[in-house]
Amino acid sequence: MKVLSTNVAVRRADPSGRHEYTGIDKQPQPTIALEIPGPNYGDGSGIHGDSIGDHQHHGGADKAVYAFAREELDYWETELQREFRDGFFGENLTTSGINLAELLINQQIKIGDALLEVSIPRSPCATFAGWINEQGFLKSFTDHGDCGAYFRIITPSTITAGDSMEFVGKPDHDVTMGMAFRAKMGDMELARHVVKIGCLAPVHHEQLRTKVAKYDARQQR
């Protein structure tokens, strides 16, 4: 398991038109320097020099660092018959040899001297859809079920392309990133399980709990 590429945003016009600019275009750099952002959306990226256009939904401690697997980029190259360089899906870390969908929520991973913790799933948005620019892509991405992984920063340091990734400990539950993603995107059975386990950060746990409660209320009418 290793970091294949470390990537930092170059500002682009937001293809969805919803924001002035977007930081989804991450370009490979030899290293990235981690810094712990504030707790809330709008508090910035966990990568020094990174850029965020949608401050209402991005940034903050639980979205400090985003990773996506090279294997998944390869999958989408085959599906869409086009090439995707490292960083194109908006990831700060392009990984190799690790299935991000199978990571347990709150699993800690050591990369060099940095310590990261698996936090929450990505929400595929209009900016992502416009950037990829393929008809029906968000549905296909959701149905495929591998959203990459957001990390919070426990110990900031510098990460270099080629650094190995090492698991530290293991959470005492069974909720994977893939399960949390499917729960977030509408699988109510999984959502009930994730809420019951209570492994998500408080604001995200409450969002999912409210979603389940509203769904159950509708079913009882």
N, C-alpha and C. Protein backbone atom coordinates (compact mmCIF):
# COMPACT_ATOMS: atom_id res chain seq x y z
N MET A 1 0.85 -1.19 0.00
CA MET A 1 0.00 0.00 0.00
C MET A 1 0.89 1.24 0.00
N LYS A 2 0.63 2.14 -0.92
CA LYS A 2 1.46 3.34 -0.96
C LYS A 2 0.70 4.51 -1.58
N VAL A 3 1.27 5.68 -1.39
CA VAL A 3 0.79 6.89 -2.05
C VAL A 3 1.52 7.00 -3.39
N LEU A 4 0.78 6.90 -4.45
CA LEU A 4 1.38 6.95 -5.79
C LEU A 4 1.67 8.39 -6.21
N SER A 5 0.76 9.31 -5.84
CA SER A 5 0.89 10.69 -6.25
C SER A 5 0.32 11.61 -5.18
N THR A 6 0.98 12.73 -4.94
CA THR A 6 0.48 13.77 -4.04
C THR A 6 0.08 14.97 -4.88
N ASN A 7 -1.15 15.49 -4.65
CA ASN A 7 -1.75 16.43 -5.59
C ASN A 7 -2.34 17.65 -4.89
N VAL A 8 -2.14 18.81 -5.52
CA VAL A 8 -2.64 20.08 -4.98
C VAL A 8 -3.44 20.78 -6.06
N ALA A 9 -4.48 21.49 -5.64
CA ALA A 9 -5.43 22.09 -6.57
C ALA A 9 -4.84 23.24 -7.38
N VAL A 10 -5.29 23.32 -8.62
CA VAL A 10 -5.13 24.51 -9.45
C VAL A 10 -6.54 25.07 -9.66
N ARG A 11 -6.74 26.33 -9.37
CA ARG A 11 -8.07 26.92 -9.50
C ARG A 11 -8.55 26.90 -10.94
N ARG A 12 -9.79 26.45 -11.10
CA ARG A 12 -10.45 26.46 -12.41
C ARG A 12 -11.84 27.07 -12.24
N ALA A 13 -12.40 27.59 -13.31
CA ALA A 13 -13.79 28.02 -13.27
C ALA A 13 -14.67 26.82 -12.97
N ASP A 14 -15.65 26.99 -12.10
CA ASP A 14 -16.53 25.89 -11.73
C ASP A 14 -17.40 25.51 -12.93
N PRO A 15 -17.27 24.28 -13.47
CA PRO A 15 -18.05 23.90 -14.64
C PRO A 15 -19.55 23.83 -14.38
N SER A 16 -19.96 23.74 -13.11
CA SER A 16 -21.39 23.71 -12.79
C SER A 16 -21.99 25.10 -12.79
N GLY A 17 -21.14 26.12 -12.68
CA GLY A 17 -21.61 27.50 -12.62
C GLY A 17 -22.13 27.90 -11.25
N ARG A 18 -22.04 27.02 -10.27
CA ARG A 18 -22.58 27.31 -8.94
C ARG A 18 -21.63 28.13 -8.08
N HIS A 19 -20.34 28.10 -8.43
CA HIS A 19 -19.35 28.82 -7.65
C HIS A 19 -18.39 29.52 -8.61
N GLU A 20 -17.71 30.51 -8.10
CA GLU A 20 -16.79 31.27 -8.95
C GLU A 20 -15.67 30.38 -9.48
N TYR A 21 -15.16 29.51 -8.63
CA TYR A 21 -14.06 28.64 -9.02
C TYR A 21 -14.18 27.32 -8.28
N THR A 22 -13.36 26.36 -8.68
CA THR A 22 -13.32 25.06 -8.02
C THR A 22 -11.88 24.62 -7.85
N GLY A 23 -11.63 23.81 -6.83
CA GLY A 23 -10.32 23.22 -6.62
C GLY A 23 -10.28 21.75 -6.97
N ILE A 24 -11.21 21.30 -7.81
CA ILE A 24 -11.29 19.87 -8.14
C ILE A 24 -10.12 19.41 -8.99
N ASP A 25 -9.50 20.31 -9.71
CA ASP A 25 -8.36 19.94 -10.55
C ASP A 25 -7.09 19.90 -9.71
N LYS A 26 -6.75 18.70 -9.23
CA LYS A 26 -5.55 18.52 -8.43
C LYS A 26 -4.39 18.08 -9.34
N GLN A 27 -3.29 18.80 -9.25
CA GLN A 27 -2.12 18.51 -10.08
C GLN A 27 -1.02 17.89 -9.23
N PRO A 28 -0.37 16.83 -9.76
CA PRO A 28 0.69 16.16 -9.00
C PRO A 28 1.84 17.10 -8.62
N GLN A 29 2.28 16.98 -7.36
CA GLN A 29 3.43 17.69 -6.82
C GLN A 29 4.32 16.66 -6.10
N PRO A 30 5.61 16.93 -5.97
CA PRO A 30 6.49 15.94 -5.32
C PRO A 30 6.09 15.62 -3.88
N THR A 31 5.61 16.64 -3.16
CA THR A 31 5.20 16.45 -1.77
C THR A 31 4.00 17.34 -1.48
N ILE A 32 3.30 17.03 -0.38
CA ILE A 32 2.28 17.92 0.15
C ILE A 32 2.51 18.08 1.64
N ALA A 33 2.26 19.28 2.14
CA ALA A 33 2.42 19.58 3.56
C ALA A 33 1.03 19.62 4.20
N LEU A 34 0.84 18.81 5.24
CA LEU A 34 -0.46 18.74 5.92
C LEU A 34 -0.55 19.76 7.03
N GLU A 35 -1.74 20.31 7.20
CA GLU A 35 -2.03 21.22 8.30
C GLU A 35 -3.46 20.97 8.75
N ILE A 36 -3.70 20.93 10.04
CA ILE A 36 -5.03 20.61 10.55
C ILE A 36 -5.94 21.83 10.41
N PRO A 37 -7.02 21.71 9.62
CA PRO A 37 -7.93 22.84 9.48
C PRO A 37 -8.89 22.93 10.66
N GLY A 38 -9.65 24.01 10.71
CA GLY A 38 -10.68 24.13 11.73
C GLY A 38 -11.74 23.06 11.57
N PRO A 39 -12.67 22.99 12.50
CA PRO A 39 -13.61 21.87 12.53
C PRO A 39 -14.71 21.92 11.49
N ASN A 40 -14.99 23.08 10.91
CA ASN A 40 -16.20 23.24 10.11
C ASN A 40 -15.92 23.39 8.62
N TYR A 41 -16.98 23.13 7.82
CA TYR A 41 -16.90 23.47 6.41
C TYR A 41 -16.50 24.95 6.30
N GLY A 42 -15.69 25.27 5.29
CA GLY A 42 -15.26 26.64 5.13
C GLY A 42 -13.98 26.95 5.88
N ASP A 43 -13.49 25.99 6.68
CA ASP A 43 -12.28 26.21 7.46
C ASP A 43 -11.01 25.84 6.69
N GLY A 44 -11.16 25.53 5.41
CA GLY A 44 -9.99 25.28 4.58
C GLY A 44 -9.60 23.82 4.46
N SER A 45 -8.69 23.58 3.53
CA SER A 45 -8.18 22.24 3.26
C SER A 45 -7.13 21.86 4.29
N GLY A 46 -6.82 20.58 4.36
CA GLY A 46 -5.74 20.11 5.20
C GLY A 46 -4.41 20.06 4.47
N ILE A 47 -4.40 20.58 3.23
CA ILE A 47 -3.20 20.59 2.42
C ILE A 47 -2.75 22.02 2.20
N HIS A 48 -1.53 22.34 2.59
CA HIS A 48 -1.02 23.69 2.41
C HIS A 48 -1.02 24.06 0.92
N GLY A 49 -1.62 25.22 0.60
CA GLY A 49 -1.66 25.68 -0.78
C GLY A 49 -2.80 25.14 -1.60
N ASP A 50 -3.62 24.27 -1.01
CA ASP A 50 -4.76 23.71 -1.73
C ASP A 50 -5.85 24.78 -1.86
N SER A 51 -6.83 24.51 -2.71
CA SER A 51 -7.87 25.50 -2.98
C SER A 51 -9.24 24.85 -2.92
N ILE A 52 -10.21 25.56 -2.33
CA ILE A 52 -11.59 25.09 -2.22
C ILE A 52 -12.52 26.19 -2.73
N GLY A 53 -13.42 25.82 -3.63
CA GLY A 53 -14.36 26.80 -4.18
C GLY A 53 -15.69 26.81 -3.46
N ASP A 54 -16.17 25.63 -3.06
CA ASP A 54 -17.46 25.49 -2.38
C ASP A 54 -17.22 25.40 -0.87
N HIS A 55 -17.21 26.55 -0.22
CA HIS A 55 -16.91 26.58 1.21
C HIS A 55 -18.08 26.13 2.08
N GLN A 56 -19.24 25.97 1.47
CA GLN A 56 -20.40 25.51 2.23
C GLN A 56 -20.37 24.00 2.45
N HIS A 57 -19.71 23.28 1.56
CA HIS A 57 -19.74 21.82 1.62
C HIS A 57 -18.36 21.17 1.68
N HIS A 58 -17.29 21.96 1.60
CA HIS A 58 -15.95 21.37 1.56
C HIS A 58 -15.04 22.04 2.59
N GLY A 59 -13.97 21.32 2.90
CA GLY A 59 -13.01 21.81 3.88
C GLY A 59 -13.38 21.39 5.29
N GLY A 60 -12.55 21.77 6.23
CA GLY A 60 -12.80 21.41 7.62
C GLY A 60 -12.18 20.08 7.99
N ALA A 61 -12.22 19.78 9.28
CA ALA A 61 -11.47 18.65 9.84
C ALA A 61 -11.84 17.30 9.22
N ASP A 62 -13.12 17.08 8.95
CA ASP A 62 -13.54 15.77 8.45
C ASP A 62 -13.34 15.61 6.95
N LYS A 63 -13.01 16.70 6.26
CA LYS A 63 -12.69 16.64 4.84
C LYS A 63 -11.32 17.27 4.58
N ALA A 64 -10.38 16.95 5.45
CA ALA A 64 -9.07 17.59 5.38
C ALA A 64 -8.25 17.09 4.20
N VAL A 65 -8.33 15.79 3.93
CA VAL A 65 -7.54 15.15 2.87
C VAL A 65 -8.44 14.16 2.14
N TYR A 66 -8.38 14.17 0.81
CA TYR A 66 -9.19 13.23 0.03
C TYR A 66 -8.29 12.30 -0.76
N ALA A 67 -8.60 11.01 -0.70
CA ALA A 67 -7.82 10.00 -1.41
C ALA A 67 -8.69 9.25 -2.41
N PHE A 68 -8.09 8.88 -3.53
CA PHE A 68 -8.76 8.06 -4.53
C PHE A 68 -7.73 7.10 -5.10
N ALA A 69 -8.16 5.89 -5.40
CA ALA A 69 -7.22 4.84 -5.81
C ALA A 69 -6.92 4.90 -7.30
N ARG A 70 -5.66 4.66 -7.63
CA ARG A 70 -5.27 4.57 -9.04
C ARG A 70 -6.03 3.44 -9.73
N GLU A 71 -6.30 2.38 -9.00
CA GLU A 71 -7.07 1.27 -9.57
C GLU A 71 -8.46 1.71 -9.99
N GLU A 72 -9.06 2.65 -9.23
CA GLU A 72 -10.37 3.16 -9.59
C GLU A 72 -10.30 4.11 -10.79
N LEU A 73 -9.24 4.90 -10.86
CA LEU A 73 -9.05 5.73 -12.05
C LEU A 73 -8.92 4.84 -13.29
N ASP A 74 -8.21 3.72 -13.15
CA ASP A 74 -8.07 2.78 -14.26
C ASP A 74 -9.43 2.19 -14.64
N TYR A 75 -10.24 1.88 -13.63
CA TYR A 75 -11.58 1.35 -13.90
C TYR A 75 -12.40 2.33 -14.73
N TRP A 76 -12.37 3.61 -14.33
CA TRP A 76 -13.16 4.60 -15.05
C TRP A 76 -12.57 4.91 -16.43
N GLU A 77 -11.26 4.74 -16.59
CA GLU A 77 -10.68 4.86 -17.93
C GLU A 77 -11.29 3.82 -18.86
N THR A 78 -11.44 2.59 -18.36
CA THR A 78 -12.02 1.52 -19.17
C THR A 78 -13.50 1.78 -19.43
N GLU A 79 -14.22 2.20 -18.40
CA GLU A 79 -15.66 2.43 -18.54
C GLU A 79 -15.96 3.58 -19.50
N LEU A 80 -15.21 4.65 -19.42
CA LEU A 80 -15.50 5.87 -20.18
C LEU A 80 -14.63 6.03 -21.41
N GLN A 81 -13.68 5.10 -21.58
CA GLN A 81 -12.81 5.12 -22.76
C GLN A 81 -12.08 6.45 -22.93
N ARG A 82 -11.46 6.89 -21.83
CA ARG A 82 -10.62 8.09 -21.85
C ARG A 82 -9.60 7.98 -20.74
N GLU A 83 -8.59 8.81 -20.76
CA GLU A 83 -7.51 8.73 -19.78
C GLU A 83 -7.76 9.71 -18.63
N PHE A 84 -7.40 9.27 -17.43
CA PHE A 84 -7.48 10.11 -16.24
C PHE A 84 -6.13 10.08 -15.52
N ARG A 85 -5.47 11.22 -15.49
CA ARG A 85 -4.19 11.31 -14.78
C ARG A 85 -4.44 11.32 -13.27
N ASP A 86 -3.41 11.07 -12.52
CA ASP A 86 -3.49 11.15 -11.06
C ASP A 86 -3.95 12.55 -10.65
N GLY A 87 -4.90 12.61 -9.73
CA GLY A 87 -5.43 13.87 -9.25
C GLY A 87 -6.68 14.36 -9.96
N PHE A 88 -7.05 13.71 -11.06
CA PHE A 88 -8.14 14.24 -11.88
C PHE A 88 -9.50 14.14 -11.19
N PHE A 89 -9.67 13.18 -10.31
CA PHE A 89 -10.95 13.06 -9.61
C PHE A 89 -10.99 13.93 -8.35
N GLY A 90 -10.03 14.84 -8.23
CA GLY A 90 -10.04 15.78 -7.12
C GLY A 90 -9.32 15.30 -5.89
N GLU A 91 -8.52 14.23 -6.03
CA GLU A 91 -7.88 13.64 -4.85
C GLU A 91 -6.53 14.29 -4.56
N ASN A 92 -6.27 14.48 -3.27
CA ASN A 92 -4.96 14.93 -2.81
C ASN A 92 -3.96 13.78 -2.81
N LEU A 93 -4.46 12.57 -2.54
CA LEU A 93 -3.62 11.37 -2.53
C LEU A 93 -4.16 10.38 -3.54
N THR A 94 -3.36 10.04 -4.53
CA THR A 94 -3.69 8.93 -5.42
C THR A 94 -2.98 7.71 -4.87
N THR A 95 -3.74 6.71 -4.46
CA THR A 95 -3.17 5.55 -3.78
C THR A 95 -3.02 4.36 -4.71
N SER A 96 -2.23 3.39 -4.26
CA SER A 96 -2.04 2.15 -5.00
C SER A 96 -1.97 1.00 -4.01
N GLY A 97 -2.67 -0.09 -4.32
CA GLY A 97 -2.57 -1.29 -3.51
C GLY A 97 -3.45 -1.32 -2.28
N ILE A 98 -4.42 -0.41 -2.19
CA ILE A 98 -5.33 -0.36 -1.04
C ILE A 98 -6.75 -0.14 -1.55
N ASN A 99 -7.68 -0.94 -1.05
CA ASN A 99 -9.09 -0.79 -1.42
C ASN A 99 -9.74 0.19 -0.45
N LEU A 100 -9.92 1.42 -0.88
CA LEU A 100 -10.43 2.46 0.00
C LEU A 100 -11.87 2.19 0.43
N ALA A 101 -12.65 1.52 -0.41
CA ALA A 101 -14.04 1.22 -0.07
C ALA A 101 -14.14 0.25 1.10
N GLU A 102 -13.09 -0.54 1.34
CA GLU A 102 -13.11 -1.52 2.42
C GLU A 102 -12.49 -0.99 3.71
N LEU A 103 -12.01 0.25 3.70
CA LEU A 103 -11.47 0.82 4.93
C LEU A 103 -12.57 1.02 5.96
N LEU A 104 -12.30 0.69 7.20
CA LEU A 104 -13.25 0.94 8.27
C LEU A 104 -13.25 2.42 8.63
N ILE A 105 -14.43 2.97 8.86
CA ILE A 105 -14.54 4.34 9.34
C ILE A 105 -13.74 4.46 10.65
N ASN A 106 -12.94 5.52 10.73
CA ASN A 106 -12.07 5.83 11.88
C ASN A 106 -10.80 4.98 11.93
N GLN A 107 -10.55 4.18 10.88
CA GLN A 107 -9.26 3.49 10.80
C GLN A 107 -8.14 4.52 10.67
N GLN A 108 -7.09 4.36 11.45
CA GLN A 108 -5.94 5.26 11.34
C GLN A 108 -4.89 4.65 10.42
N ILE A 109 -4.24 5.53 9.65
CA ILE A 109 -3.22 5.11 8.69
C ILE A 109 -2.01 6.04 8.81
N LYS A 110 -0.85 5.44 8.97
CA LYS A 110 0.39 6.19 9.05
C LYS A 110 1.02 6.28 7.67
N ILE A 111 1.36 7.51 7.27
CA ILE A 111 2.04 7.74 6.00
C ILE A 111 3.25 8.62 6.30
N GLY A 112 4.44 8.04 6.24
CA GLY A 112 5.62 8.78 6.68
C GLY A 112 5.46 9.12 8.16
N ASP A 113 5.62 10.40 8.49
CA ASP A 113 5.42 10.83 9.87
C ASP A 113 4.01 11.35 10.12
N ALA A 114 3.17 11.34 9.10
CA ALA A 114 1.79 11.81 9.24
C ALA A 114 0.88 10.67 9.69
N LEU A 115 -0.13 11.03 10.48
CA LEU A 115 -1.14 10.06 10.89
C LEU A 115 -2.50 10.60 10.48
N LEU A 116 -3.21 9.82 9.64
CA LEU A 116 -4.53 10.19 9.15
C LEU A 116 -5.57 9.23 9.70
N GLU A 117 -6.84 9.66 9.67
CA GLU A 117 -7.93 8.82 10.16
C GLU A 117 -9.08 8.89 9.17
N VAL A 118 -9.56 7.73 8.74
CA VAL A 118 -10.68 7.65 7.79
C VAL A 118 -11.89 8.34 8.41
N SER A 119 -12.52 9.23 7.66
CA SER A 119 -13.61 10.01 8.25
C SER A 119 -14.96 9.78 7.59
N ILE A 120 -15.20 10.36 6.42
CA ILE A 120 -16.55 10.31 5.84
C ILE A 120 -16.47 10.07 4.33
N PRO A 121 -17.59 9.64 3.73
CA PRO A 121 -17.60 9.44 2.28
C PRO A 121 -17.78 10.74 1.51
N ARG A 122 -17.39 10.70 0.27
CA ARG A 122 -17.59 11.82 -0.65
C ARG A 122 -19.05 11.88 -1.06
N SER A 123 -19.53 13.09 -1.32
CA SER A 123 -20.85 13.29 -1.92
C SER A 123 -20.65 13.76 -3.35
N PRO A 124 -20.92 12.93 -4.35
CA PRO A 124 -20.73 13.36 -5.74
C PRO A 124 -21.66 14.53 -6.06
N CYS A 125 -21.09 15.62 -6.57
CA CYS A 125 -21.83 16.87 -6.71
C CYS A 125 -21.84 17.35 -8.16
N ALA A 126 -22.53 18.47 -8.38
CA ALA A 126 -22.66 19.04 -9.72
C ALA A 126 -21.31 19.46 -10.29
N THR A 127 -20.42 19.97 -9.44
CA THR A 127 -19.10 20.35 -9.91
C THR A 127 -18.34 19.14 -10.43
N PHE A 128 -18.40 18.03 -9.68
CA PHE A 128 -17.76 16.78 -10.09
C PHE A 128 -18.34 16.30 -11.42
N ALA A 129 -19.66 16.34 -11.54
CA ALA A 129 -20.32 15.91 -12.78
C ALA A 129 -19.88 16.77 -13.96
N GLY A 130 -19.85 18.09 -13.75
CA GLY A 130 -19.45 18.99 -14.82
C GLY A 130 -17.99 18.82 -15.20
N TRP A 131 -17.15 18.53 -14.21
CA TRP A 131 -15.73 18.34 -14.47
C TRP A 131 -15.48 17.08 -15.29
N ILE A 132 -16.16 15.98 -14.94
CA ILE A 132 -16.01 14.74 -15.70
C ILE A 132 -16.69 14.85 -17.06
N ASN A 133 -17.85 15.52 -17.08
CA ASN A 133 -18.55 15.83 -18.33
C ASN A 133 -18.91 14.57 -19.13
N GLU A 134 -19.58 13.66 -18.45
CA GLU A 134 -20.10 12.44 -19.08
C GLU A 134 -21.55 12.27 -18.67
N GLN A 135 -22.42 12.02 -19.64
CA GLN A 135 -23.84 11.86 -19.38
C GLN A 135 -24.09 10.74 -18.37
N GLY A 136 -24.84 11.06 -17.31
CA GLY A 136 -25.21 10.06 -16.31
C GLY A 136 -24.08 9.62 -15.40
N PHE A 137 -22.99 10.40 -15.34
CA PHE A 137 -21.83 9.94 -14.59
C PHE A 137 -22.10 9.82 -13.09
N LEU A 138 -22.81 10.77 -12.50
CA LEU A 138 -23.02 10.71 -11.05
C LEU A 138 -23.77 9.45 -10.65
N LYS A 139 -24.75 9.05 -11.44
CA LYS A 139 -25.48 7.81 -11.14
C LYS A 139 -24.54 6.61 -11.27
N SER A 140 -23.74 6.60 -12.32
CA SER A 140 -22.81 5.49 -12.51
C SER A 140 -21.79 5.43 -11.38
N PHE A 141 -21.29 6.58 -10.97
CA PHE A 141 -20.31 6.65 -9.88
C PHE A 141 -20.94 6.15 -8.58
N THR A 142 -22.17 6.55 -8.32
CA THR A 142 -22.86 6.12 -7.10
C THR A 142 -23.14 4.62 -7.14
N ASP A 143 -23.63 4.13 -8.28
CA ASP A 143 -23.95 2.71 -8.40
C ASP A 143 -22.70 1.84 -8.26
N HIS A 144 -21.57 2.33 -8.74
CA HIS A 144 -20.32 1.57 -8.64
C HIS A 144 -19.90 1.40 -7.18
N GLY A 145 -20.11 2.43 -6.37
CA GLY A 145 -19.99 2.28 -4.92
C GLY A 145 -18.64 2.56 -4.30
N ASP A 146 -17.66 3.00 -5.08
CA ASP A 146 -16.36 3.34 -4.50
C ASP A 146 -16.14 4.84 -4.66
N CYS A 147 -16.28 5.56 -3.55
CA CYS A 147 -16.22 7.03 -3.58
C CYS A 147 -14.86 7.57 -3.19
N GLY A 148 -13.87 6.69 -3.01
CA GLY A 148 -12.62 7.15 -2.41
C GLY A 148 -12.82 7.31 -0.92
N ALA A 149 -12.01 8.14 -0.28
CA ALA A 149 -12.14 8.32 1.17
C ALA A 149 -11.62 9.67 1.60
N TYR A 150 -12.39 10.31 2.47
CA TYR A 150 -11.90 11.50 3.15
C TYR A 150 -11.19 11.08 4.44
N PHE A 151 -10.17 11.87 4.80
CA PHE A 151 -9.42 11.64 6.04
C PHE A 151 -9.39 12.91 6.87
N ARG A 152 -9.39 12.74 8.18
CA ARG A 152 -9.02 13.83 9.08
C ARG A 152 -7.55 13.65 9.45
N ILE A 153 -6.91 14.73 9.84
CA ILE A 153 -5.49 14.70 10.16
C ILE A 153 -5.32 14.61 11.68
N ILE A 154 -4.64 13.57 12.14
CA ILE A 154 -4.32 13.42 13.55
C ILE A 154 -2.95 14.03 13.85
N THR A 155 -1.97 13.68 13.04
CA THR A 155 -0.63 14.24 13.17
C THR A 155 -0.20 14.82 11.83
N PRO A 156 -0.07 16.13 11.72
CA PRO A 156 0.34 16.72 10.44
C PRO A 156 1.83 16.51 10.18
N SER A 157 2.16 16.37 8.91
CA SER A 157 3.56 16.25 8.50
C SER A 157 3.59 16.46 6.99
N THR A 158 4.66 16.04 6.37
CA THR A 158 4.77 16.10 4.91
C THR A 158 4.61 14.69 4.35
N ILE A 159 3.83 14.58 3.28
CA ILE A 159 3.67 13.30 2.58
C ILE A 159 4.32 13.43 1.21
N THR A 160 5.08 12.42 0.86
CA THR A 160 5.82 12.40 -0.40
C THR A 160 5.30 11.29 -1.29
N ALA A 161 5.20 11.56 -2.58
CA ALA A 161 4.81 10.51 -3.53
C ALA A 161 5.76 9.32 -3.37
N GLY A 162 5.18 8.13 -3.23
CA GLY A 162 5.97 6.93 -3.00
C GLY A 162 5.96 6.45 -1.56
N ASP A 163 5.48 7.30 -0.63
CA ASP A 163 5.41 6.89 0.77
C ASP A 163 4.50 5.68 0.95
N SER A 164 4.91 4.78 1.84
CA SER A 164 4.08 3.62 2.16
C SER A 164 2.97 4.02 3.13
N MET A 165 1.92 3.19 3.17
CA MET A 165 0.78 3.41 4.04
C MET A 165 0.68 2.21 4.99
N GLU A 166 0.50 2.50 6.28
CA GLU A 166 0.50 1.44 7.29
C GLU A 166 -0.68 1.61 8.23
N PHE A 167 -1.47 0.56 8.40
CA PHE A 167 -2.59 0.60 9.33
C PHE A 167 -2.08 0.71 10.77
N VAL A 168 -2.78 1.51 11.56
CA VAL A 168 -2.48 1.64 12.98
C VAL A 168 -3.74 1.28 13.76
N GLY A 169 -3.70 0.18 14.52
CA GLY A 169 -4.87 -0.28 15.25
C GLY A 169 -5.99 -0.71 14.32
N LYS A 170 -7.18 -0.89 14.93
CA LYS A 170 -8.36 -1.27 14.15
C LYS A 170 -9.61 -0.89 14.92
N PRO A 171 -10.54 -0.17 14.29
CA PRO A 171 -11.80 0.19 14.96
C PRO A 171 -12.60 -1.06 15.33
N ASP A 172 -13.42 -0.96 16.38
CA ASP A 172 -14.16 -2.13 16.87
C ASP A 172 -15.59 -2.16 16.31
N HIS A 173 -15.72 -1.93 15.01
CA HIS A 173 -17.03 -2.03 14.33
C HIS A 173 -16.80 -2.53 12.91
N ASP A 174 -17.88 -2.71 12.15
CA ASP A 174 -17.76 -3.28 10.81
C ASP A 174 -18.09 -2.30 9.69
N VAL A 175 -18.27 -1.02 10.01
CA VAL A 175 -18.74 -0.06 9.00
C VAL A 175 -17.58 0.39 8.12
N THR A 176 -17.64 0.03 6.85
CA THR A 176 -16.61 0.41 5.89
C THR A 176 -17.00 1.72 5.19
N MET A 177 -16.04 2.29 4.48
CA MET A 177 -16.31 3.49 3.69
C MET A 177 -17.37 3.21 2.63
N GLY A 178 -17.29 2.04 2.01
CA GLY A 178 -18.28 1.68 1.00
C GLY A 178 -19.68 1.59 1.59
N MET A 179 -19.81 1.03 2.78
CA MET A 179 -21.11 0.95 3.45
C MET A 179 -21.63 2.34 3.80
N ALA A 180 -20.75 3.19 4.32
CA ALA A 180 -21.15 4.54 4.69
C ALA A 180 -21.59 5.33 3.46
N PHE A 181 -20.92 5.11 2.34
CA PHE A 181 -21.28 5.79 1.10
C PHE A 181 -22.66 5.36 0.62
N ARG A 182 -22.90 4.05 0.61
CA ARG A 182 -24.20 3.56 0.15
C ARG A 182 -25.31 4.03 1.10
N ALA A 183 -25.01 4.08 2.38
CA ALA A 183 -25.99 4.59 3.36
C ALA A 183 -26.30 6.05 3.07
N LYS A 184 -25.27 6.83 2.83
CA LYS A 184 -25.44 8.26 2.55
C LYS A 184 -26.25 8.48 1.28
N MET A 185 -26.07 7.59 0.30
CA MET A 185 -26.71 7.77 -1.00
C MET A 185 -28.08 7.10 -1.09
N GLY A 186 -28.60 6.57 0.04
CA GLY A 186 -29.99 6.15 0.03
C GLY A 186 -30.32 4.73 0.43
N ASP A 187 -29.34 3.91 0.75
CA ASP A 187 -29.62 2.55 1.22
C ASP A 187 -30.04 2.64 2.69
N MET A 188 -31.34 2.59 2.93
CA MET A 188 -31.85 2.84 4.27
C MET A 188 -31.53 1.72 5.26
N GLU A 189 -31.43 0.50 4.78
CA GLU A 189 -31.06 -0.59 5.68
C GLU A 189 -29.65 -0.38 6.21
N LEU A 190 -28.75 -0.03 5.31
CA LEU A 190 -27.38 0.26 5.73
C LEU A 190 -27.32 1.51 6.59
N ALA A 191 -28.14 2.51 6.23
CA ALA A 191 -28.14 3.75 7.00
C ALA A 191 -28.54 3.50 8.45
N ARG A 192 -29.54 2.64 8.67
CA ARG A 192 -29.94 2.31 10.04
C ARG A 192 -28.78 1.66 10.79
N HIS A 193 -28.05 0.79 10.10
CA HIS A 193 -26.92 0.11 10.74
C HIS A 193 -25.82 1.10 11.10
N VAL A 194 -25.50 2.00 10.17
CA VAL A 194 -24.44 2.98 10.42
C VAL A 194 -24.83 3.89 11.59
N VAL A 195 -26.10 4.29 11.62
CA VAL A 195 -26.57 5.13 12.73
C VAL A 195 -26.48 4.37 14.05
N LYS A 196 -26.87 3.10 14.03
CA LYS A 196 -26.82 2.29 15.24
C LYS A 196 -25.39 2.16 15.77
N ILE A 197 -24.43 1.96 14.87
CA ILE A 197 -23.03 1.82 15.27
C ILE A 197 -22.50 3.14 15.82
N GLY A 198 -22.91 4.26 15.21
CA GLY A 198 -22.52 5.58 15.72
C GLY A 198 -21.06 5.93 15.52
N CYS A 199 -20.49 5.52 14.36
CA CYS A 199 -19.06 5.73 14.13
C CYS A 199 -18.72 7.01 13.37
N LEU A 200 -19.73 7.65 12.79
CA LEU A 200 -19.48 8.87 12.03
C LEU A 200 -19.29 10.07 12.95
N ALA A 201 -18.60 11.09 12.44
CA ALA A 201 -18.46 12.34 13.19
C ALA A 201 -19.85 12.89 13.51
N PRO A 202 -20.00 13.60 14.63
CA PRO A 202 -21.33 14.00 15.12
C PRO A 202 -22.25 14.65 14.09
N VAL A 203 -21.77 15.63 13.34
CA VAL A 203 -22.66 16.32 12.41
C VAL A 203 -23.13 15.38 11.30
N HIS A 204 -22.27 14.47 10.85
CA HIS A 204 -22.62 13.54 9.79
C HIS A 204 -23.51 12.42 10.32
N HIS A 205 -23.26 12.00 11.54
CA HIS A 205 -24.15 11.03 12.20
C HIS A 205 -25.56 11.61 12.30
N GLU A 206 -25.66 12.86 12.72
CA GLU A 206 -26.97 13.48 12.89
C GLU A 206 -27.69 13.64 11.56
N GLN A 207 -26.97 14.00 10.52
CA GLN A 207 -27.57 14.10 9.19
C GLN A 207 -28.16 12.77 8.75
N LEU A 208 -27.41 11.69 8.97
CA LEU A 208 -27.89 10.37 8.56
C LEU A 208 -29.04 9.91 9.46
N ARG A 209 -28.96 10.18 10.75
CA ARG A 209 -30.03 9.82 11.67
C ARG A 209 -31.33 10.52 11.28
N THR A 210 -31.24 11.79 10.93
CA THR A 210 -32.42 12.55 10.52
C THR A 210 -33.00 12.00 9.22
N LYS A 211 -32.13 11.63 8.30
CA LYS A 211 -32.57 11.05 7.03
C LYS A 211 -33.33 9.76 7.25
N VAL A 212 -32.83 8.91 8.12
CA VAL A 212 -33.51 7.64 8.44
C VAL A 212 -34.85 7.91 9.12
N ALA A 213 -34.88 8.85 10.05
CA ALA A 213 -36.12 9.16 10.77
C ALA A 213 -37.19 9.67 9.82
N LYS A 214 -36.83 10.54 8.90
CA LYS A 214 -37.79 11.07 7.93
C LYS A 214 -38.29 9.97 7.00
N TYR A 215 -37.39 9.08 6.59
CA TYR A 215 -37.79 7.98 5.73
C TYR A 215 -38.78 7.06 6.45
N ASP A 216 -38.47 6.72 7.69
CA ASP A 216 -39.35 5.84 8.46
C ASP A 216 -40.70 6.49 8.70
N ALA A 217 -40.73 7.80 8.92
CA ALA A 217 -41.99 8.52 9.13
C ALA A 217 -42.85 8.45 7.88
N ARG A 218 -42.23 8.59 6.71
CA ARG A 218 -42.97 8.51 5.44
C ARG A 218 -43.54 7.11 5.25
N GLN A 219 -42.77 6.10 5.62
CA GLN A 219 -43.22 4.72 5.44
C GLN A 219 -44.40 4.37 6.32
N GLN A 220 -44.56 5.08 7.43
CA GLN A 220 -45.62 4.79 8.38
C GLN A 220 -46.93 5.52 8.05
N ARG A 221 -46.90 6.40 7.08
CA ARG A 221 -48.13 7.14 6.73
C ARG A 221 -49.12 6.26 6.01
